[in-house]
Amino acid sequence: MFDVNDPHKKNVVPTQIIDYEKVHKVILRGFDVNYLLPGNDLVINDLEFIEVKKEGPHIIVRGEQLK
């Protein structure tokens, strides 16, 4: 998690790291994904709220963005 938009373009460090093992898929709900970077990272800009939870082998990411 970062406190800024487009952290991959800036020299910043994350405020929090969320890491899960043995994930089958990630389900994104409630917002538009701005970038899908190569590898395991997601960049979702303009977040007002985000909730991340594991349900079985899936990670559910719900949130709201400023529109």
PDB file of N, CA and C in Angstrom:
ATOM      1  N   MET A   1       0.840  -1.168   0.000  1.00  0.00           N
ATOM      2  CA  MET A   1       0.000   0.000   0.000  1.00  0.00           C
ATOM      3  C   MET A   1       0.890   1.239   0.000  1.00  0.00           C
ATOM      4  N   PHE A   2       0.480   2.219  -0.781  1.00  0.00           N
ATOM      5  CA  PHE A   2       1.191   3.483  -0.870  1.00  0.00           C
ATOM      6  C   PHE A   2       0.238   4.623  -0.556  1.00  0.00           C
ATOM      7  N   ASP A   3       0.787   5.763  -0.184  1.00  0.00           N
ATOM      8  CA  ASP A   3      -0.012   6.963   0.095  1.00  0.00           C
ATOM      9  C   ASP A   3      -0.097   7.903  -1.102  1.00  0.00           C
ATOM     10  N   VAL A   4       0.439   7.504  -2.250  1.00  0.00           N
ATOM     11  CA  VAL A   4       0.469   8.366  -3.435  1.00  0.00           C
ATOM     12  C   VAL A   4      -0.028   7.589  -4.644  1.00  0.00           C
ATOM     13  N   ASN A   5      -0.515   8.302  -5.649  1.00  0.00           N
ATOM     14  CA  ASN A   5      -0.853   7.687  -6.929  1.00  0.00           C
ATOM     15  C   ASN A   5       0.420   7.404  -7.717  1.00  0.00           C
ATOM     16  N   ASP A   6       0.361   6.428  -8.594  1.00  0.00           N
ATOM     17  CA  ASP A   6       1.474   6.052  -9.472  1.00  0.00           C
ATOM     18  C   ASP A   6       2.791   5.850  -8.720  1.00  0.00           C
ATOM     19  N   PRO A   7       2.810   5.052  -7.676  1.00  0.00           N
ATOM     20  CA  PRO A   7       4.045   4.887  -6.900  1.00  0.00           C
ATOM     21  C   PRO A   7       5.186   4.261  -7.699  1.00  0.00           C
ATOM     22  N   HIS A   8       4.844   3.508  -8.748  1.00  0.00           N
ATOM     23  CA  HIS A   8       5.874   2.889  -9.579  1.00  0.00           C
ATOM     24  C   HIS A   8       6.662   3.916 -10.382  1.00  0.00           C
ATOM     25  N   LYS A   9       6.168   5.160 -10.460  1.00  0.00           N
ATOM     26  CA  LYS A   9       6.860   6.233 -11.180  1.00  0.00           C
ATOM     27  C   LYS A   9       7.628   7.159 -10.236  1.00  0.00           C
ATOM     28  N   LYS A  10       7.560   6.889  -8.941  1.00  0.00           N
ATOM     29  CA  LYS A  10       8.177   7.754  -7.937  1.00  0.00           C
ATOM     30  C   LYS A  10       9.129   6.940  -7.068  1.00  0.00           C
ATOM     31  N   ASN A  11       9.998   7.626  -6.373  1.00  0.00           N
ATOM     32  CA  ASN A  11      10.940   6.962  -5.474  1.00  0.00           C
ATOM     33  C   ASN A  11      10.343   6.939  -4.064  1.00  0.00           C
ATOM     34  N   VAL A  12       9.338   6.065  -3.856  1.00  0.00           N
ATOM     35  CA  VAL A  12       8.662   5.969  -2.564  1.00  0.00           C
ATOM     36  C   VAL A  12       8.649   4.512  -2.106  1.00  0.00           C
ATOM     37  N   VAL A  13       8.498   4.325  -0.817  1.00  0.00           N
ATOM     38  CA  VAL A  13       8.407   2.971  -0.266  1.00  0.00           C
ATOM     39  C   VAL A  13       6.975   2.731   0.207  1.00  0.00           C
ATOM     40  N   PRO A  14       6.521   1.480   0.202  1.00  0.00           N
ATOM     41  CA  PRO A  14       5.152   1.195   0.643  1.00  0.00           C
ATOM     42  C   PRO A  14       4.971   1.447   2.140  1.00  0.00           C
ATOM     43  N   THR A  15       3.742   1.840   2.507  1.00  0.00           N
ATOM     44  CA  THR A  15       3.402   2.002   3.914  1.00  0.00           C
ATOM     45  C   THR A  15       2.988   0.668   4.518  1.00  0.00           C
ATOM     46  N   GLN A  16       2.564  -0.265   3.654  1.00  0.00           N
ATOM     47  CA  GLN A  16       2.154  -1.597   4.114  1.00  0.00           C
ATOM     48  C   GLN A  16       2.330  -2.574   2.958  1.00  0.00           C
ATOM     49  N   ILE A  17       2.731  -3.794   3.262  1.00  0.00           N
ATOM     50  CA  ILE A  17       2.850  -4.850   2.257  1.00  0.00           C
ATOM     51  C   ILE A  17       1.888  -5.971   2.639  1.00  0.00           C
ATOM     52  N   ILE A  18       1.071  -6.392   1.684  1.00  0.00           N
ATOM     53  CA  ILE A  18       0.139  -7.504   1.887  1.00  0.00           C
ATOM     54  C   ILE A  18       0.614  -8.643   1.000  1.00  0.00           C
ATOM     55  N   ASP A  19       0.895  -9.791   1.603  1.00  0.00           N
ATOM     56  CA  ASP A  19       1.444 -10.921   0.872  1.00  0.00           C
ATOM     57  C   ASP A  19       0.686 -12.185   1.259  1.00  0.00           C
ATOM     58  N   TYR A  20       0.229 -12.936   0.261  1.00  0.00           N
ATOM     59  CA  TYR A  20      -0.487 -14.184   0.499  1.00  0.00           C
ATOM     60  C   TYR A  20       0.179 -15.293  -0.297  1.00  0.00           C
ATOM     61  N   GLU A  21       0.118 -16.498   0.211  1.00  0.00           N
ATOM     62  CA  GLU A  21       0.632 -17.662  -0.503  1.00  0.00           C
ATOM     63  C   GLU A  21      -0.533 -18.524  -0.977  1.00  0.00           C
ATOM     64  N   LYS A  22      -0.265 -19.296  -2.012  1.00  0.00           N
ATOM     65  CA  LYS A  22      -1.234 -20.257  -2.557  1.00  0.00           C
ATOM     66  C   LYS A  22      -2.555 -19.601  -2.924  1.00  0.00           C
ATOM     67  N   VAL A  23      -2.492 -18.546  -3.717  1.00  0.00           N
ATOM     68  CA  VAL A  23      -3.682 -17.838  -4.180  1.00  0.00           C
ATOM     69  C   VAL A  23      -4.037 -18.348  -5.576  1.00  0.00           C
ATOM     70  N   HIS A  24      -5.300 -18.704  -5.768  1.00  0.00           N
ATOM     71  CA  HIS A  24      -5.773 -19.172  -7.064  1.00  0.00           C
ATOM     72  C   HIS A  24      -6.093 -17.998  -7.982  1.00  0.00           C
ATOM     73  N   LYS A  25      -6.799 -16.986  -7.457  1.00  0.00           N
ATOM     74  CA  LYS A  25      -7.091 -15.793  -8.251  1.00  0.00           C
ATOM     75  C   LYS A  25      -7.374 -14.609  -7.353  1.00  0.00           C
ATOM     76  N   VAL A  26      -7.251 -13.418  -7.936  1.00  0.00           N
ATOM     77  CA  VAL A  26      -7.565 -12.163  -7.258  1.00  0.00           C
ATOM     78  C   VAL A  26      -8.798 -11.592  -7.934  1.00  0.00           C
ATOM     79  N   ILE A  27      -9.819 -11.279  -7.147  1.00  0.00           N
ATOM     80  CA  ILE A  27     -11.073 -10.723  -7.660  1.00  0.00           C
ATOM     81  C   ILE A  27     -11.142  -9.264  -7.254  1.00  0.00           C
ATOM     82  N   LEU A  28     -11.291  -8.367  -8.232  1.00  0.00           N
ATOM     83  CA  LEU A  28     -11.339  -6.926  -7.990  1.00  0.00           C
ATOM     84  C   LEU A  28     -12.767  -6.448  -8.154  1.00  0.00           C
ATOM     85  N   ARG A  29     -13.284  -5.723  -7.147  1.00  0.00           N
ATOM     86  CA  ARG A  29     -14.674  -5.255  -7.190  1.00  0.00           C
ATOM     87  C   ARG A  29     -14.763  -3.799  -6.754  1.00  0.00           C
ATOM     88  N   GLY A  30     -15.531  -2.998  -7.499  1.00  0.00           N
ATOM     89  CA  GLY A  30     -15.878  -1.656  -7.056  1.00  0.00           C
ATOM     90  C   GLY A  30     -15.002  -0.536  -7.560  1.00  0.00           C
ATOM     91  N   PHE A  31     -14.028  -0.819  -8.405  1.00  0.00           N
ATOM     92  CA  PHE A  31     -13.183   0.248  -8.915  1.00  0.00           C
ATOM     93  C   PHE A  31     -12.519  -0.162 -10.225  1.00  0.00           C
ATOM     94  N   ASP A  32     -11.933   0.822 -10.883  1.00  0.00           N
ATOM     95  CA  ASP A  32     -11.203   0.593 -12.120  1.00  0.00           C
ATOM     96  C   ASP A  32      -9.734   0.410 -11.791  1.00  0.00           C
ATOM     97  N   VAL A  33      -9.123  -0.578 -12.402  1.00  0.00           N
ATOM     98  CA  VAL A  33      -7.693  -0.798 -12.217  1.00  0.00           C
ATOM     99  C   VAL A  33      -6.968   0.066 -13.236  1.00  0.00           C
ATOM    100  N   ASN A  34      -6.087   0.938 -12.762  1.00  0.00           N
ATOM    101  CA  ASN A  34      -5.351   1.813 -13.651  1.00  0.00           C
ATOM    102  C   ASN A  34      -4.174   1.104 -14.310  1.00  0.00           C
ATOM    103  N   TYR A  35      -3.505   0.235 -13.591  1.00  0.00           N
ATOM    104  CA  TYR A  35      -2.327  -0.439 -14.123  1.00  0.00           C
ATOM    105  C   TYR A  35      -2.246  -1.862 -13.596  1.00  0.00           C
ATOM    106  N   LEU A  36      -1.905  -2.759 -14.468  1.00  0.00           N
ATOM    107  CA  LEU A  36      -1.525  -4.109 -14.072  1.00  0.00           C
ATOM    108  C   LEU A  36      -0.057  -4.241 -14.447  1.00  0.00           C
ATOM    109  N   LEU A  37       0.817  -4.176 -13.470  1.00  0.00           N
ATOM    110  CA  LEU A  37       2.249  -4.220 -13.715  1.00  0.00           C
ATOM    111  C   LEU A  37       2.710  -5.654 -13.941  1.00  0.00           C
ATOM    112  N   PRO A  38       3.817  -5.833 -14.649  1.00  0.00           N
ATOM    113  CA  PRO A  38       4.381  -7.188 -14.741  1.00  0.00           C
ATOM    114  C   PRO A  38       4.698  -7.699 -13.335  1.00  0.00           C
ATOM    115  N   GLY A  39       4.442  -8.952 -13.107  1.00  0.00           N
ATOM    116  CA  GLY A  39       4.701  -9.517 -11.784  1.00  0.00           C
ATOM    117  C   GLY A  39       3.431  -9.590 -10.970  1.00  0.00           C
ATOM    118  N   ASN A  40       3.553  -9.425  -9.655  1.00  0.00           N
ATOM    119  CA  ASN A  40       2.435  -9.624  -8.746  1.00  0.00           C
ATOM    120  C   ASN A  40       1.816  -8.338  -8.222  1.00  0.00           C
ATOM    121  N   ASP A  41       2.249  -7.183  -8.709  1.00  0.00           N
ATOM    122  CA  ASP A  41       1.796  -5.910  -8.156  1.00  0.00           C
ATOM    123  C   ASP A  41       0.630  -5.326  -8.938  1.00  0.00           C
ATOM    124  N   LEU A  42      -0.267  -4.672  -8.214  1.00  0.00           N
ATOM    125  CA  LEU A  42      -1.381  -3.922  -8.806  1.00  0.00           C
ATOM    126  C   LEU A  42      -1.232  -2.459  -8.426  1.00  0.00           C
ATOM    127  N   VAL A  43      -1.581  -1.554  -9.332  1.00  0.00           N
ATOM    128  CA  VAL A  43      -1.626  -0.128  -9.008  1.00  0.00           C
ATOM    129  C   VAL A  43      -3.046   0.335  -9.276  1.00  0.00           C
ATOM    130  N   ILE A  44      -3.719   0.787  -8.224  1.00  0.00           N
ATOM    131  CA  ILE A  44      -5.081   1.301  -8.320  1.00  0.00           C
ATOM    132  C   ILE A  44      -5.056   2.701  -7.730  1.00  0.00           C
ATOM    133  N   ASN A  45      -5.224   3.707  -8.574  1.00  0.00           N
ATOM    134  CA  ASN A  45      -5.111   5.099  -8.141  1.00  0.00           C
ATOM    135  C   ASN A  45      -6.423   5.652  -7.597  1.00  0.00           C
ATOM    136  N   ASP A  46      -6.311   6.763  -6.889  1.00  0.00           N
ATOM    137  CA  ASP A  46      -7.460   7.552  -6.411  1.00  0.00           C
ATOM    138  C   ASP A  46      -8.371   6.788  -5.464  1.00  0.00           C
ATOM    139  N   LEU A  47      -7.805   5.975  -4.592  1.00  0.00           N
ATOM    140  CA  LEU A  47      -8.612   5.189  -3.661  1.00  0.00           C
ATOM    141  C   LEU A  47      -9.128   6.038  -2.503  1.00  0.00           C
ATOM    142  N   GLU A  48     -10.403   5.873  -2.199  1.00  0.00           N
ATOM    143  CA  GLU A  48     -10.993   6.430  -0.983  1.00  0.00           C
ATOM    144  C   GLU A  48     -11.037   5.363   0.104  1.00  0.00           C
ATOM    145  N   PHE A  49     -11.221   4.110  -0.319  1.00  0.00           N
ATOM    146  CA  PHE A  49     -11.434   2.998   0.601  1.00  0.00           C
ATOM    147  C   PHE A  49     -10.959   1.725  -0.085  1.00  0.00           C
ATOM    148  N   ILE A  50     -10.375   0.817   0.689  1.00  0.00           N
ATOM    149  CA  ILE A  50     -10.009  -0.496   0.155  1.00  0.00           C
ATOM    150  C   ILE A  50     -10.147  -1.536   1.262  1.00  0.00           C
ATOM    151  N   GLU A  51     -10.609  -2.718   0.879  1.00  0.00           N
ATOM    152  CA  GLU A  51     -10.723  -3.861   1.790  1.00  0.00           C
ATOM    153  C   GLU A  51     -10.128  -5.062   1.067  1.00  0.00           C
ATOM    154  N   VAL A  52      -9.220  -5.752   1.717  1.00  0.00           N
ATOM    155  CA  VAL A  52      -8.586  -6.934   1.141  1.00  0.00           C
ATOM    156  C   VAL A  52      -8.805  -8.084   2.107  1.00  0.00           C
ATOM    157  N   LYS A  53      -9.383  -9.189   1.600  1.00  0.00           N
ATOM    158  CA  LYS A  53      -9.554 -10.356   2.464  1.00  0.00           C
ATOM    159  C   LYS A  53      -9.385 -11.630   1.647  1.00  0.00           C
ATOM    160  N   LYS A  54      -9.011 -12.678   2.345  1.00  0.00           N
ATOM    161  CA  LYS A  54      -8.827 -13.978   1.707  1.00  0.00           C
ATOM    162  C   LYS A  54     -10.042 -14.841   1.985  1.00  0.00           C
ATOM    163  N   GLU A  55     -10.585 -15.416   0.919  1.00  0.00           N
ATOM    164  CA  GLU A  55     -11.709 -16.347   1.026  1.00  0.00           C
ATOM    165  C   GLU A  55     -11.295 -17.627   0.321  1.00  0.00           C
ATOM    166  N   GLY A  56     -10.917 -18.619   1.096  1.00  0.00           N
ATOM    167  CA  GLY A  56     -10.412 -19.858   0.500  1.00  0.00           C
ATOM    168  C   GLY A  56      -9.153 -19.559  -0.291  1.00  0.00           C
ATOM    169  N   PRO A  57      -9.088 -20.033  -1.552  1.00  0.00           N
ATOM    170  CA  PRO A  57      -7.886 -19.781  -2.359  1.00  0.00           C
ATOM    171  C   PRO A  57      -7.919 -18.443  -3.099  1.00  0.00           C
ATOM    172  N   HIS A  58      -8.940 -17.624  -2.838  1.00  0.00           N
ATOM    173  CA  HIS A  58      -9.109 -16.367  -3.569  1.00  0.00           C
ATOM    174  C   HIS A  58      -8.858 -15.164  -2.670  1.00  0.00           C
ATOM    175  N   ILE A  59      -8.359 -14.098  -3.274  1.00  0.00           N
ATOM    176  CA  ILE A  59      -8.216 -12.809  -2.604  1.00  0.00           C
ATOM    177  C   ILE A  59      -9.284 -11.897  -3.183  1.00  0.00           C
ATOM    178  N   ILE A  60     -10.111 -11.325  -2.326  1.00  0.00           N
ATOM    179  CA  ILE A  60     -11.153 -10.381  -2.745  1.00  0.00           C
ATOM    180  C   ILE A  60     -10.689  -8.981  -2.388  1.00  0.00           C
ATOM    181  N   VAL A  61     -10.617  -8.111  -3.384  1.00  0.00           N
ATOM    182  CA  VAL A  61     -10.234  -6.721  -3.172  1.00  0.00           C
ATOM    183  C   VAL A  61     -11.438  -5.862  -3.542  1.00  0.00           C
ATOM    184  N   ARG A  62     -11.980  -5.151  -2.555  1.00  0.00           N
ATOM    185  CA  ARG A  62     -13.116  -4.258  -2.779  1.00  0.00           C
ATOM    186  C   ARG A  62     -12.669  -2.841  -2.443  1.00  0.00           C
ATOM    187  N   GLY A  63     -13.250  -1.871  -3.141  1.00  0.00           N
ATOM    188  CA  GLY A  63     -12.868  -0.504  -2.840  1.00  0.00           C
ATOM    189  C   GLY A  63     -13.716   0.515  -3.557  1.00  0.00           C
ATOM    190  N   GLU A  64     -13.419   1.769  -3.269  1.00  0.00           N
ATOM    191  CA  GLU A  64     -14.059   2.896  -3.940  1.00  0.00           C
ATOM    192  C   GLU A  64     -12.978   3.885  -4.346  1.00  0.00           C
ATOM    193  N   GLN A  65     -13.179   4.485  -5.507  1.00  0.00           N
ATOM    194  CA  GLN A  65     -12.249   5.470  -6.021  1.00  0.00           C
ATOM    195  C   GLN A  65     -12.941   6.818  -6.128  1.00  0.00           C
ATOM    196  N   LEU A  66     -12.142   7.868  -6.065  1.00  0.00           N
ATOM    197  CA  LEU A  66     -12.654   9.194  -6.390  1.00  0.00           C
ATOM    198  C   LEU A  66     -12.990   9.192  -7.872  1.00  0.00           C
ATOM    199  N   LYS A  67     -14.091   9.734  -8.220  1.00  0.00           N
ATOM    200  CA  LYS A  67     -14.498   9.751  -9.660  1.00  0.00           C
ATOM    201  C   LYS A  67     -14.416  11.140 -10.203  1.00  0.00           C
TER     202      LYS A  67
END
